[in-house]
């Protein structure tokens, strides 16, 4: 969910009332849970009973009972349905059928990771609910916007270098960023301004803090540092395929720089105009690292990554070994 979409949902929440229904779709658990909790708070001033169902567990009879009956102790009801995309077709038909005649004294919040909105049941639910797409951030700029908003809410600020350090070290994931930011708030206590040193003290040793060091090691072909960094990430339970994606994303930036240089675009122009997803000092660093890989070397790198992706998905060899061998090949390309 982007900041404009977030502002839109905040407007809808201010106007939240019983009988409104919400469909939250996407892989970002942070936004789904944040939105659901906000609905609960908006309705908390009323005497509301709460039911939480799970799509991979609920059966047709239970779902019918929950949708068609109220509590003996409350005249209003909030039903939260998690993992709704895991429902069987029988239960999904009952859920979509509810919206043919929804109850005015009942609100549904439906969470799903991935659905086909074109199919009849999901299409009907989307048309009957407030719909929000809850996606993970794709760029550091989205994390930066979110961090600045959280800082304002807490009455705190970061100087530019501290903000840059945080957003380049933290994983592109709102839940992870939220955890790291909460740790940072605990560290600084009542102080209003957060420094770069405090950011590095808080997250420098975490798995997300290792990523920028990993990129630097890749960019300068330092095999030992690469292997140490990837082992740290694996020890912190980061998924092997997410590491492969991260490496691929890094080298796509270097590839872009090499293509632009081949078109006789100066390094200065590339830094100023063509790397807007990176912070300014990162652009300079990436431009320098791109000089360490020729276009032919980068083609070899992408071949290695393609093979690595296939191996991790299809063979039983330890992913740690596969990643280590691939990193050695990449640094020697």
Protein backbone atom coordinates (compact mmCIF):
# COMPACT_ATOMS: atom_id res chain seq x y z
CA UNK A 1 0.00 0.00 0.00
CA UNK A 2 1.42 3.37 -0.99
CA UNK A 3 1.17 6.52 1.12
CA UNK A 4 -1.66 8.02 -1.04
CA UNK A 5 -3.63 4.77 -0.64
CA UNK A 6 -2.92 4.84 3.08
CA UNK A 7 -4.27 8.36 3.31
CA UNK A 8 -7.38 7.18 1.47
CA UNK A 9 -7.97 4.33 3.89
CA UNK A 10 -7.45 6.66 6.86
CA UNK A 11 -10.21 8.88 5.46
CA UNK A 12 -12.52 5.88 5.13
CA UNK A 13 -11.70 4.73 8.67
CA UNK A 14 -12.68 8.12 10.07
CA UNK A 15 -16.08 7.54 8.50
CA UNK A 16 -16.24 3.85 9.54
CA UNK A 17 -19.59 2.66 10.76
CA UNK A 18 -21.25 -0.66 11.43
CA UNK A 19 -22.49 -2.32 8.27
CA UNK A 20 -19.48 -1.28 6.18
CA UNK A 21 -17.34 -4.18 4.89
CA UNK A 22 -13.68 -4.34 3.89
CA UNK A 23 -11.66 -6.59 1.56
CA UNK A 24 -7.87 -6.49 2.05
CA UNK A 25 -5.82 -8.31 -0.59
CA UNK A 26 -2.05 -8.64 -0.84
CA UNK A 27 1.05 -10.18 0.72
CA UNK A 28 1.81 -7.37 3.17
CA UNK A 29 0.70 -8.57 6.61
CA UNK A 30 1.62 -5.26 8.26
CA UNK A 31 -0.96 -3.25 6.30
CA UNK A 32 -3.62 -5.95 6.62
CA UNK A 33 -3.21 -6.18 10.39
CA UNK A 34 -2.87 -2.40 10.82
CA UNK A 35 -6.05 -1.79 8.88
CA UNK A 36 -7.96 -4.50 10.73
CA UNK A 37 -6.89 -3.13 14.10
CA UNK A 38 -7.91 0.36 13.01
CA UNK A 39 -11.40 -0.93 12.15
CA UNK A 40 -11.63 -2.55 15.59
CA UNK A 41 -10.65 0.72 17.26
CA UNK A 42 -13.11 2.71 15.16
CA UNK A 43 -15.96 0.44 16.28
CA UNK A 44 -14.73 -0.07 19.87
CA UNK A 45 -16.86 2.74 21.27
CA UNK A 46 -19.91 0.62 20.47
CA UNK A 47 -20.92 -2.63 22.18
CA UNK A 48 -19.56 -4.96 19.51
CA UNK A 49 -18.96 -8.70 19.66
CA UNK A 50 -15.90 -10.04 17.80
CA UNK A 51 -15.44 -13.26 15.83
CA UNK A 52 -12.18 -14.28 14.11
CA UNK A 53 -12.32 -17.02 11.49
CA UNK A 54 -9.61 -18.63 9.36
CA UNK A 55 -10.29 -19.54 5.76
CA UNK A 56 -8.21 -22.72 5.92
CA UNK A 57 -10.15 -23.97 8.96
CA UNK A 58 -13.75 -22.71 8.83
CA UNK A 59 -16.45 -25.04 7.54
CA UNK A 60 -19.72 -24.18 5.80
CA UNK A 61 -21.99 -24.72 8.83
CA UNK A 62 -19.85 -22.56 11.14
CA UNK A 63 -19.54 -19.82 8.53
CA UNK A 64 -23.31 -19.76 7.99
CA UNK A 65 -23.90 -19.51 11.73
CA UNK A 66 -21.42 -16.66 12.15
CA UNK A 67 -22.81 -14.65 9.25
CA UNK A 68 -26.47 -15.11 10.17
CA UNK A 69 -26.49 -14.80 13.95
CA UNK A 70 -25.67 -12.15 16.56
CA UNK A 71 -24.24 -12.55 20.05
CA UNK A 72 -26.64 -12.78 23.02
CA UNK A 73 -24.58 -10.04 24.70
CA UNK A 74 -24.25 -7.50 21.87
CA UNK A 75 -26.46 -6.15 19.11
CA UNK A 76 -23.49 -5.42 16.82
CA UNK A 77 -20.88 -7.80 15.41
CA UNK A 78 -17.43 -7.56 13.80
CA UNK A 79 -16.24 -10.63 11.88
CA UNK A 80 -12.58 -10.86 10.82
CA UNK A 81 -11.83 -13.57 8.25
CA UNK A 82 -8.12 -14.30 7.81
CA UNK A 83 -6.61 -16.37 4.97
CA UNK A 84 -9.89 -16.12 3.08
CA UNK A 85 -8.14 -17.15 -0.14
CA UNK A 86 -7.62 -20.60 1.44
CA UNK A 87 -11.39 -21.24 1.58
CA UNK A 88 -12.90 -24.15 -0.31
CA UNK A 89 -15.38 -23.26 -3.03
CA UNK A 90 -18.34 -24.24 -0.81
CA UNK A 91 -17.38 -21.78 1.92
CA UNK A 92 -16.39 -19.12 -0.63
CA UNK A 93 -19.85 -19.34 -2.20
CA UNK A 94 -21.48 -18.82 1.21
CA UNK A 95 -19.25 -15.81 1.92
CA UNK A 96 -19.93 -14.10 -1.40
CA UNK A 97 -23.63 -14.94 -1.10
CA UNK A 98 -23.78 -13.00 2.17
CA UNK A 99 -23.31 -9.77 0.21
CA UNK A 100 -26.59 -10.28 -1.63
CA UNK A 101 -28.25 -9.14 1.58
CA UNK A 102 -25.65 -7.92 4.09
CA UNK A 103 -26.67 -7.06 7.66
CA UNK A 104 -26.58 -3.42 8.74
CA UNK A 105 -25.52 -4.33 12.29
CA UNK A 106 -22.53 -6.42 11.18
CA UNK A 107 -19.13 -5.59 9.66
CA UNK A 108 -16.80 -7.99 7.85
CA UNK A 109 -13.06 -7.55 7.38
CA UNK A 110 -11.81 -10.11 4.87
CA UNK A 111 -8.07 -10.72 4.50
CA UNK A 112 -6.53 -12.60 1.58
CA UNK A 113 -3.03 -12.79 0.15
CA UNK A 114 -3.77 -13.54 -3.50
CA UNK A 115 -7.09 -13.80 -5.29
CA UNK A 116 -8.42 -13.61 -8.84
CA UNK A 117 -10.79 -10.64 -8.70
CA UNK A 118 -12.15 -11.62 -12.13
CA UNK A 119 -13.85 -14.73 -10.74
CA UNK A 120 -17.48 -14.33 -9.77
CA UNK A 121 -17.22 -14.76 -5.98
CA UNK A 122 -14.27 -12.42 -5.48
CA UNK A 123 -15.64 -9.92 -7.99
CA UNK A 124 -18.90 -9.75 -6.02
CA UNK A 125 -17.03 -9.24 -2.75
CA UNK A 126 -14.85 -6.50 -4.22
CA UNK A 127 -17.90 -4.67 -5.54
CA UNK A 128 -19.62 -4.96 -2.13
CA UNK A 129 -16.67 -3.93 0.08
CA UNK A 130 -14.16 -1.15 0.51
CA UNK A 131 -11.21 -2.71 -1.33
CA UNK A 132 -7.53 -2.17 -0.53
CA UNK A 133 -4.48 -3.69 -2.18
CA UNK A 134 -1.87 -4.38 0.52
CA UNK A 135 1.45 -4.79 -1.31
CA UNK A 136 4.96 -4.84 0.06
CA UNK A 137 7.13 -1.81 -0.81
CA UNK A 138 9.02 -2.06 -4.08
CA UNK A 139 11.40 0.87 -3.59
CA UNK A 140 13.34 2.39 -0.71
CA UNK A 141 11.45 5.64 -1.40
CA UNK A 142 8.22 4.00 -0.20
CA UNK A 143 9.90 2.93 3.04
CA UNK A 144 11.30 6.46 3.40
CA UNK A 145 7.83 8.04 3.07
CA UNK A 146 6.43 5.59 5.61
CA UNK A 147 9.29 6.20 8.10
CA UNK A 148 8.80 9.97 7.90
CA UNK A 149 5.11 9.53 8.62
CA UNK A 150 5.83 7.28 11.63
CA UNK A 151 8.36 9.81 12.93
CA UNK A 152 5.81 12.62 12.71
CA UNK A 153 3.28 10.50 14.60
CA UNK A 154 5.84 9.94 17.38
CA UNK A 155 6.98 13.57 17.45
CA UNK A 156 10.52 12.64 16.41
CA UNK A 157 12.87 13.48 13.55
CA UNK A 158 15.90 11.94 11.83
CA UNK A 159 18.60 14.00 10.21
CA UNK A 160 19.04 13.19 6.50
CA UNK A 161 22.03 10.90 7.00
CA UNK A 162 20.22 8.94 9.71
CA UNK A 163 17.13 8.54 7.50
CA UNK A 164 19.32 7.40 4.61
CA UNK A 165 21.14 4.93 6.82
CA UNK A 166 17.87 3.47 8.11
CA UNK A 167 16.15 3.09 4.74
CA UNK A 168 19.19 1.55 3.04
CA UNK A 169 19.79 -0.95 5.84
CA UNK A 170 16.26 -2.06 6.54
CA UNK A 171 14.57 -4.77 4.47
CA UNK A 172 11.90 -3.80 1.93
CA UNK A 173 9.15 -5.00 4.22
CA UNK A 174 6.89 -2.80 6.36
CA UNK A 175 6.60 -5.29 9.25
CA UNK A 176 10.37 -5.66 9.49
CA UNK A 177 10.84 -1.89 9.20
CA UNK A 178 8.24 -1.36 11.95
CA UNK A 179 10.10 -3.74 14.28
CA UNK A 180 13.40 -1.98 13.60
CA UNK A 181 11.84 1.44 14.12
CA UNK A 182 10.28 0.36 17.43
CA UNK A 183 13.70 -0.86 18.60
CA UNK A 184 15.17 2.50 17.61
CA UNK A 185 12.49 4.41 19.55
CA UNK A 186 13.30 2.35 22.64
CA UNK A 187 16.98 3.12 22.22
CA UNK A 188 16.58 6.91 21.95
CA UNK A 189 13.94 7.16 24.66
CA UNK A 190 12.65 10.71 25.15
CA UNK A 191 15.12 12.31 22.73
CA UNK A 192 13.34 13.94 19.78
CA UNK A 193 16.13 13.76 17.18
CA UNK A 194 17.61 10.44 16.02
CA UNK A 195 21.22 10.41 14.81
CA UNK A 196 22.96 8.23 12.24
CA UNK A 197 25.08 6.67 15.00
CA UNK A 198 21.93 5.60 16.87
CA UNK A 199 20.50 4.03 13.70
CA UNK A 200 23.69 2.04 13.13
CA UNK A 201 23.83 1.04 16.79
CA UNK A 202 20.24 -0.21 16.63
CA UNK A 203 20.22 -2.17 13.36
CA UNK A 204 23.87 -2.44 12.30
CA UNK A 205 24.24 -6.01 13.54
CA UNK A 206 20.88 -7.27 12.31
CA UNK A 207 20.37 -9.30 9.15
CA UNK A 208 18.90 -6.26 7.36
CA UNK A 209 21.91 -4.20 8.39
CA UNK A 210 24.14 -6.70 6.63
CA UNK A 211 22.56 -6.11 3.24
CA UNK A 212 24.29 -2.85 2.35
CA UNK A 213 27.64 -4.40 3.34
CA UNK A 214 26.75 -7.40 1.20
CA UNK A 215 26.09 -5.16 -1.82
CA UNK A 216 29.39 -3.38 -1.33
CA UNK A 217 31.21 -6.70 -1.17
CA UNK A 218 29.48 -7.86 -4.37
CA UNK A 219 30.28 -4.61 -6.12
CA UNK A 220 33.97 -4.84 -5.23
CA UNK A 221 34.22 -8.63 -5.77
CA UNK A 222 35.24 -9.41 -2.17
CA UNK A 223 34.43 -13.11 -2.01
CA UNK A 224 35.12 -13.68 1.70
CA UNK A 225 32.96 -10.73 2.77
CA UNK A 226 30.15 -11.89 0.45
CA UNK A 227 30.20 -15.38 1.93
CA UNK A 228 30.22 -14.08 5.49
CA UNK A 229 27.30 -11.74 4.78
CA UNK A 230 25.17 -14.38 3.06
CA UNK A 231 25.81 -16.83 5.92
CA UNK A 232 24.67 -14.15 8.38
CA UNK A 233 21.44 -13.65 6.42
CA UNK A 234 20.78 -17.40 6.24
CA UNK A 235 21.50 -17.79 9.96
CA UNK A 236 18.87 -15.08 10.53
CA UNK A 237 16.37 -17.29 8.62
CA UNK A 238 16.21 -15.17 5.48
CA UNK A 239 14.81 -17.25 2.63
CA UNK A 240 17.43 -18.34 0.04
CA UNK A 241 15.21 -17.27 -2.88
CA UNK A 242 14.77 -13.80 -1.37
CA UNK A 243 18.58 -13.50 -1.30
CA UNK A 244 18.73 -14.52 -4.95
CA UNK A 245 16.13 -11.85 -5.79
CA UNK A 246 18.10 -9.27 -3.80
CA UNK A 247 21.31 -10.11 -5.70
CA UNK A 248 19.48 -9.93 -9.01
CA UNK A 249 18.01 -6.53 -8.13
CA UNK A 250 21.48 -5.23 -7.26
CA UNK A 251 23.01 -6.38 -10.55
CA UNK A 252 20.08 -5.00 -12.57
CA UNK A 253 21.09 -1.55 -11.32
CA UNK A 254 24.70 -2.16 -12.40
CA UNK A 255 23.44 -3.43 -15.77
CA UNK A 256 21.40 -0.26 -16.24
CA UNK A 257 24.45 1.87 -15.50
CA UNK A 258 26.60 -0.09 -17.98
CA UNK A 259 23.95 0.29 -20.71
CA UNK A 260 23.75 4.04 -20.12
CA UNK A 261 27.54 4.35 -20.19
CA UNK A 262 27.58 2.43 -23.48
CA UNK A 263 25.25 5.11 -24.86
CA UNK A 264 27.90 7.71 -23.94
CA UNK A 265 25.91 9.14 -21.04
CA UNK A 266 28.30 10.55 -18.49
CA UNK A 267 28.57 9.18 -14.97
CA UNK A 268 27.52 12.57 -13.60
CA UNK A 269 24.33 12.58 -15.69
CA UNK A 270 23.55 9.00 -14.69
CA UNK A 271 23.91 9.91 -11.02
CA UNK A 272 21.75 13.02 -11.34
CA UNK A 273 18.97 11.74 -13.61
CA UNK A 274 18.81 7.96 -13.94
CA UNK A 275 19.11 6.38 -10.47
CA UNK A 276 16.25 8.07 -8.69
CA UNK A 277 15.36 5.00 -6.59
CA UNK A 278 18.73 5.34 -4.82
CA UNK A 279 19.92 7.99 -2.41
CA UNK A 280 22.45 10.44 -3.80
CA UNK A 281 25.54 8.96 -2.14
CA UNK A 282 24.37 5.47 -3.12
CA UNK A 283 24.21 6.54 -6.77
CA UNK A 284 27.87 7.48 -6.72
CA UNK A 285 28.78 4.20 -5.05
CA UNK A 286 26.74 2.11 -7.49
CA UNK A 287 28.23 3.98 -10.46
CA UNK A 288 31.70 3.16 -9.16
CA UNK A 289 30.82 -0.50 -8.56
CA UNK A 290 29.42 -0.82 -12.09
CA UNK A 291 32.92 -0.16 -13.40
CA UNK A 292 34.04 -3.42 -11.81
CA UNK A 293 31.76 -5.48 -14.08
CA UNK A 294 31.82 -5.41 -17.87
CA UNK A 295 28.61 -6.08 -19.81
CA UNK A 296 29.98 -9.54 -20.66
CA UNK A 297 30.64 -10.19 -16.96
CA UNK A 298 27.11 -9.09 -16.08
CA UNK A 299 25.68 -11.49 -18.67
CA UNK A 300 27.62 -14.27 -16.93
CA UNK A 301 26.26 -13.09 -13.56
CA UNK A 302 22.65 -13.32 -14.76
CA UNK A 303 23.31 -16.81 -16.18
CA UNK A 304 24.68 -17.87 -12.78
CA UNK A 305 21.63 -16.41 -11.00
CA UNK A 306 19.20 -18.11 -13.39
CA UNK A 307 20.90 -21.45 -12.76
CA UNK A 308 20.95 -20.78 -9.00
CA UNK A 309 17.22 -20.01 -8.93
CA UNK A 310 16.46 -23.25 -10.75
CA UNK A 311 18.74 -25.31 -8.49
CA UNK A 312 17.27 -23.96 -5.25
CA UNK A 313 13.76 -24.76 -6.49
CA UNK A 314 14.45 -28.21 -7.93
CA UNK A 315 17.30 -30.07 -6.18
CA UNK A 316 17.91 -31.15 -2.61
CA UNK A 317 21.43 -29.71 -2.23
CA UNK A 318 21.88 -27.35 0.72
CA UNK A 319 20.94 -23.81 -0.46
CA UNK A 320 23.83 -22.44 1.61
CA UNK A 321 26.28 -24.40 -0.53
CA UNK A 322 24.53 -23.41 -3.77
CA UNK A 323 24.60 -19.72 -2.81
CA UNK A 324 28.27 -19.90 -1.81
CA UNK A 325 29.31 -21.54 -5.09
CA UNK A 326 27.26 -19.02 -7.08
CA UNK A 327 28.81 -16.06 -5.25
CA UNK A 328 32.30 -17.35 -5.99
CA UNK A 329 31.40 -17.61 -9.70
CA UNK A 330 29.90 -14.11 -9.66
CA UNK A 331 32.92 -12.51 -8.05
CA UNK A 332 35.16 -14.25 -10.58
CA UNK A 333 33.02 -13.36 -13.62
